[in-house]
Amino acid sequence: MERRQPRSWYIDVGEAAVNDEIAFLKAEIYLREIALACRR
């Protein structure tokens, strides 16, 4: 069965960039702490 992408905004980042991306989203987009769904 084909693995489908989420039906929402998402970005593919390398393992080394995950923490930086989450920090950016919390500081610049959501402006608060938030539990983000991550899939590896």
N, C-alpha and C. Protein backbone atom coordinates (compact mmCIF):
# COMPACT_ATOMS: atom_id res chain seq x y z
N MET A 1 0.84 -1.17 0.00
CA MET A 1 0.00 0.00 0.00
C MET A 1 0.89 1.25 0.00
N GLU A 2 0.50 2.24 -0.77
CA GLU A 2 1.26 3.48 -0.89
C GLU A 2 1.14 4.30 0.39
N ARG A 3 2.27 4.84 0.85
CA ARG A 3 2.26 5.70 2.03
C ARG A 3 1.90 7.10 1.60
N ARG A 4 0.82 7.64 2.13
CA ARG A 4 0.32 8.94 1.73
C ARG A 4 0.91 10.04 2.61
N GLN A 5 1.08 11.21 2.03
CA GLN A 5 1.53 12.38 2.77
C GLN A 5 0.36 12.94 3.57
N PRO A 6 0.66 13.65 4.65
CA PRO A 6 -0.43 14.24 5.44
C PRO A 6 -1.23 15.26 4.63
N ARG A 7 -2.49 15.41 4.97
CA ARG A 7 -3.34 16.38 4.29
C ARG A 7 -3.28 17.71 5.03
N SER A 8 -2.10 18.21 5.17
CA SER A 8 -1.86 19.49 5.82
C SER A 8 -0.49 19.96 5.37
N TRP A 9 -0.08 21.10 5.86
CA TRP A 9 1.24 21.61 5.52
C TRP A 9 2.29 20.70 6.15
N TYR A 10 3.33 20.45 5.39
CA TYR A 10 4.45 19.68 5.92
C TYR A 10 5.72 20.07 5.18
N ILE A 11 6.84 19.71 5.76
CA ILE A 11 8.14 19.96 5.14
C ILE A 11 9.02 18.75 5.41
N ASP A 12 9.80 18.37 4.43
CA ASP A 12 10.78 17.31 4.61
C ASP A 12 12.11 17.98 4.96
N VAL A 13 12.70 17.59 6.07
CA VAL A 13 14.01 18.12 6.47
C VAL A 13 14.92 16.95 6.84
N GLY A 14 16.20 17.17 6.71
CA GLY A 14 17.16 16.16 7.10
C GLY A 14 17.22 16.04 8.61
N GLU A 15 17.70 14.92 9.07
CA GLU A 15 17.77 14.63 10.51
C GLU A 15 18.49 15.75 11.28
N ALA A 16 19.53 16.31 10.70
CA ALA A 16 20.30 17.35 11.38
C ALA A 16 19.54 18.67 11.52
N ALA A 17 18.50 18.88 10.72
CA ALA A 17 17.77 20.15 10.73
C ALA A 17 16.45 20.10 11.51
N VAL A 18 16.10 18.96 12.05
CA VAL A 18 14.80 18.82 12.72
C VAL A 18 14.66 19.78 13.90
N ASN A 19 15.62 19.80 14.80
CA ASN A 19 15.52 20.67 15.97
C ASN A 19 15.48 22.14 15.59
N ASP A 20 16.25 22.54 14.60
CA ASP A 20 16.23 23.93 14.15
C ASP A 20 14.88 24.29 13.55
N GLU A 21 14.30 23.40 12.79
CA GLU A 21 12.99 23.66 12.17
C GLU A 21 11.90 23.79 13.24
N ILE A 22 11.91 22.91 14.22
CA ILE A 22 10.93 22.98 15.30
C ILE A 22 11.09 24.27 16.09
N ALA A 23 12.32 24.66 16.40
CA ALA A 23 12.57 25.91 17.12
C ALA A 23 12.07 27.11 16.32
N PHE A 24 12.31 27.11 15.01
CA PHE A 24 11.82 28.19 14.15
C PHE A 24 10.30 28.27 14.19
N LEU A 25 9.62 27.14 14.03
CA LEU A 25 8.16 27.14 14.03
C LEU A 25 7.59 27.65 15.34
N LYS A 26 8.17 27.24 16.46
CA LYS A 26 7.68 27.69 17.76
C LYS A 26 7.92 29.18 17.97
N ALA A 27 9.07 29.69 17.51
CA ALA A 27 9.43 31.09 17.74
C ALA A 27 8.80 32.05 16.74
N GLU A 28 8.66 31.64 15.49
CA GLU A 28 8.24 32.57 14.44
C GLU A 28 6.82 32.34 13.90
N ILE A 29 6.31 31.14 14.00
CA ILE A 29 5.01 30.83 13.41
C ILE A 29 3.94 30.70 14.49
N TYR A 30 4.14 29.81 15.44
CA TYR A 30 3.13 29.57 16.47
C TYR A 30 3.23 30.54 17.65
N LEU A 31 4.42 31.09 17.88
CA LEU A 31 4.67 32.06 18.95
C LEU A 31 4.37 31.51 20.34
N ARG A 32 4.53 30.20 20.49
CA ARG A 32 4.32 29.55 21.78
C ARG A 32 4.85 28.13 21.69
N GLU A 33 4.90 27.47 22.84
CA GLU A 33 5.24 26.05 22.87
C GLU A 33 4.08 25.28 22.27
N ILE A 34 4.40 24.30 21.48
CA ILE A 34 3.36 23.49 20.84
C ILE A 34 3.92 22.10 20.58
N ALA A 35 3.08 21.10 20.72
CA ALA A 35 3.47 19.72 20.42
C ALA A 35 3.22 19.49 18.93
N LEU A 36 4.27 19.39 18.17
CA LEU A 36 4.16 19.20 16.72
C LEU A 36 4.25 17.73 16.36
N ALA A 37 3.42 17.32 15.42
CA ALA A 37 3.48 15.94 14.94
C ALA A 37 4.66 15.79 13.99
N CYS A 38 5.53 14.87 14.31
CA CYS A 38 6.70 14.59 13.47
C CYS A 38 6.67 13.13 13.06
N ARG A 39 7.05 12.87 11.84
CA ARG A 39 7.07 11.50 11.34
C ARG A 39 8.43 11.26 10.69
N ARG A 40 9.05 10.14 11.05
CA ARG A 40 10.35 9.81 10.50
C ARG A 40 10.21 8.74 9.45
